[in-house]
Amino acid sequence: MADICPPGKNQWPELVGIKATTAEYIIRKDNPSVEKVIVLLAGTGTTKDIRCDRVWLFVNIEEKVVEIPKVG
């Protein structure tokens, strides 16, 4: 991702375990280039295209982040 996307924060390991709404706020604050934060239940399939303006946010049924959010 670092070779494709502009410099800046592009992953957030510190967000694992927190609520999706809080994680989305932090992601948008840390990287203004992110236009879409898409919240999905863990295990849901996604497209394989790489987008520097998108973060997939995988959560459990309690809406807590379960995977490291990354730009892409």
C-alpha atoms as a PDB file:
ATOM      1  CA  MET A   1       0.000   0.000   0.000  1.00  0.00           C
ATOM      2  CA  ALA A   2       2.794   2.406   0.865  1.00  0.00           C
ATOM      3  CA  ASP A   3       4.083   2.273  -2.728  1.00  0.00           C
ATOM      4  CA  ILE A   4       0.655   3.004  -4.232  1.00  0.00           C
ATOM      5  CA  CYS A   5      -1.050   5.397  -1.826  1.00  0.00           C
ATOM      6  CA  PRO A   6       0.151   8.848  -0.742  1.00  0.00           C
ATOM      7  CA  PRO A   7       2.258   9.075   2.407  1.00  0.00           C
ATOM      8  CA  GLY A   8       0.433   9.162   5.707  1.00  0.00           C
ATOM      9  CA  LYS A   9      -1.088   6.790   8.200  1.00  0.00           C
ATOM     10  CA  ASN A  10      -2.516   3.773   6.395  1.00  0.00           C
ATOM     11  CA  GLN A  11      -3.135   1.182   9.118  1.00  0.00           C
ATOM     12  CA  TRP A  12      -4.431   1.281  12.669  1.00  0.00           C
ATOM     13  CA  PRO A  13      -3.518  -1.767  14.812  1.00  0.00           C
ATOM     14  CA  GLU A  14      -4.402   0.230  17.943  1.00  0.00           C
ATOM     15  CA  LEU A  15      -8.097   0.223  16.936  1.00  0.00           C
ATOM     16  CA  VAL A  16      -8.625  -3.531  17.328  1.00  0.00           C
ATOM     17  CA  GLY A  17     -11.128  -4.073  20.134  1.00  0.00           C
ATOM     18  CA  ILE A  18     -12.807  -0.664  20.078  1.00  0.00           C
ATOM     19  CA  LYS A  19     -16.257   0.325  18.767  1.00  0.00           C
ATOM     20  CA  ALA A  20     -16.609   0.864  15.015  1.00  0.00           C
ATOM     21  CA  THR A  21     -17.946   4.405  15.368  1.00  0.00           C
ATOM     22  CA  THR A  22     -14.915   5.480  17.393  1.00  0.00           C
ATOM     23  CA  ALA A  23     -12.556   3.702  14.988  1.00  0.00           C
ATOM     24  CA  GLU A  24     -14.135   5.444  11.999  1.00  0.00           C
ATOM     25  CA  TYR A  25     -13.709   8.851  13.658  1.00  0.00           C
ATOM     26  CA  ILE A  26     -10.024   8.181  14.409  1.00  0.00           C
ATOM     27  CA  ILE A  27      -9.307   6.880  10.893  1.00  0.00           C
ATOM     28  CA  ARG A  28     -10.856   9.949   9.255  1.00  0.00           C
ATOM     29  CA  LYS A  29      -8.975  12.260  11.659  1.00  0.00           C
ATOM     30  CA  ASP A  30      -5.614  10.520  11.096  1.00  0.00           C
ATOM     31  CA  ASN A  31      -5.943  10.337   7.295  1.00  0.00           C
ATOM     32  CA  PRO A  32      -8.122  12.984   5.596  1.00  0.00           C
ATOM     33  CA  SER A  33      -7.620  11.195   2.246  1.00  0.00           C
ATOM     34  CA  VAL A  34      -9.914   8.379   3.450  1.00  0.00           C
ATOM     35  CA  GLU A  35     -13.355   9.121   2.009  1.00  0.00           C
ATOM     36  CA  LYS A  36     -15.008   5.776   2.736  1.00  0.00           C
ATOM     37  CA  VAL A  37     -14.875   3.723   5.908  1.00  0.00           C
ATOM     38  CA  ILE A  38     -16.939   0.627   5.229  1.00  0.00           C
ATOM     39  CA  VAL A  39     -18.052  -1.367   8.274  1.00  0.00           C
ATOM     40  CA  LEU A  40     -18.558  -5.084   7.641  1.00  0.00           C
ATOM     41  CA  LEU A  41     -19.141  -8.140   9.783  1.00  0.00           C
ATOM     42  CA  ALA A  42     -15.923 -10.177  10.024  1.00  0.00           C
ATOM     43  CA  GLY A  43     -15.793 -12.830   7.324  1.00  0.00           C
ATOM     44  CA  THR A  44     -17.758 -10.805   4.794  1.00  0.00           C
ATOM     45  CA  GLY A  45     -16.209 -10.792   1.321  1.00  0.00           C
ATOM     46  CA  THR A  46     -14.914  -7.616  -0.306  1.00  0.00           C
ATOM     47  CA  THR A  47     -13.708  -6.508  -3.705  1.00  0.00           C
ATOM     48  CA  LYS A  48     -10.022  -7.029  -4.500  1.00  0.00           C
ATOM     49  CA  ASP A  49      -9.356  -3.593  -5.970  1.00  0.00           C
ATOM     50  CA  ILE A  50      -6.987  -1.260  -4.125  1.00  0.00           C
ATOM     51  CA  ARG A  51      -8.318   2.205  -3.267  1.00  0.00           C
ATOM     52  CA  CYS A  52      -6.341   4.769  -1.299  1.00  0.00           C
ATOM     53  CA  ASP A  53      -9.538   6.487  -0.169  1.00  0.00           C
ATOM     54  CA  ARG A  54     -11.150   3.429   1.453  1.00  0.00           C
ATOM     55  CA  VAL A  55     -10.787   1.434   4.664  1.00  0.00           C
ATOM     56  CA  TRP A  56     -12.613  -1.827   5.342  1.00  0.00           C
ATOM     57  CA  LEU A  57     -13.543  -1.991   9.027  1.00  0.00           C
ATOM     58  CA  PHE A  58     -14.263  -5.593  10.064  1.00  0.00           C
ATOM     59  CA  VAL A  59     -16.284  -5.957  13.259  1.00  0.00           C
ATOM     60  CA  ASN A  60     -17.926  -8.621  15.407  1.00  0.00           C
ATOM     61  CA  ILE A  61     -21.608  -8.697  16.386  1.00  0.00           C
ATOM     62  CA  GLU A  62     -20.839  -6.256  19.216  1.00  0.00           C
ATOM     63  CA  GLU A  63     -19.566  -3.779  16.569  1.00  0.00           C
ATOM     64  CA  LYS A  64     -16.004  -3.972  17.898  1.00  0.00           C
ATOM     65  CA  VAL A  65     -13.097  -3.970  15.440  1.00  0.00           C
ATOM     66  CA  VAL A  66     -11.580  -7.457  15.070  1.00  0.00           C
ATOM     67  CA  GLU A  67      -9.008  -6.951  12.275  1.00  0.00           C
ATOM     68  CA  ILE A  68      -6.385  -4.263  11.780  1.00  0.00           C
ATOM     69  CA  PRO A  69      -7.999  -1.538   9.642  1.00  0.00           C
ATOM     70  CA  LYS A  70      -5.909  -0.709   6.544  1.00  0.00           C
ATOM     71  CA  VAL A  71      -6.220   1.642   3.593  1.00  0.00           C
ATOM     72  CA  GLY A  72      -7.034  -0.319   0.489  1.00  0.00           C
END
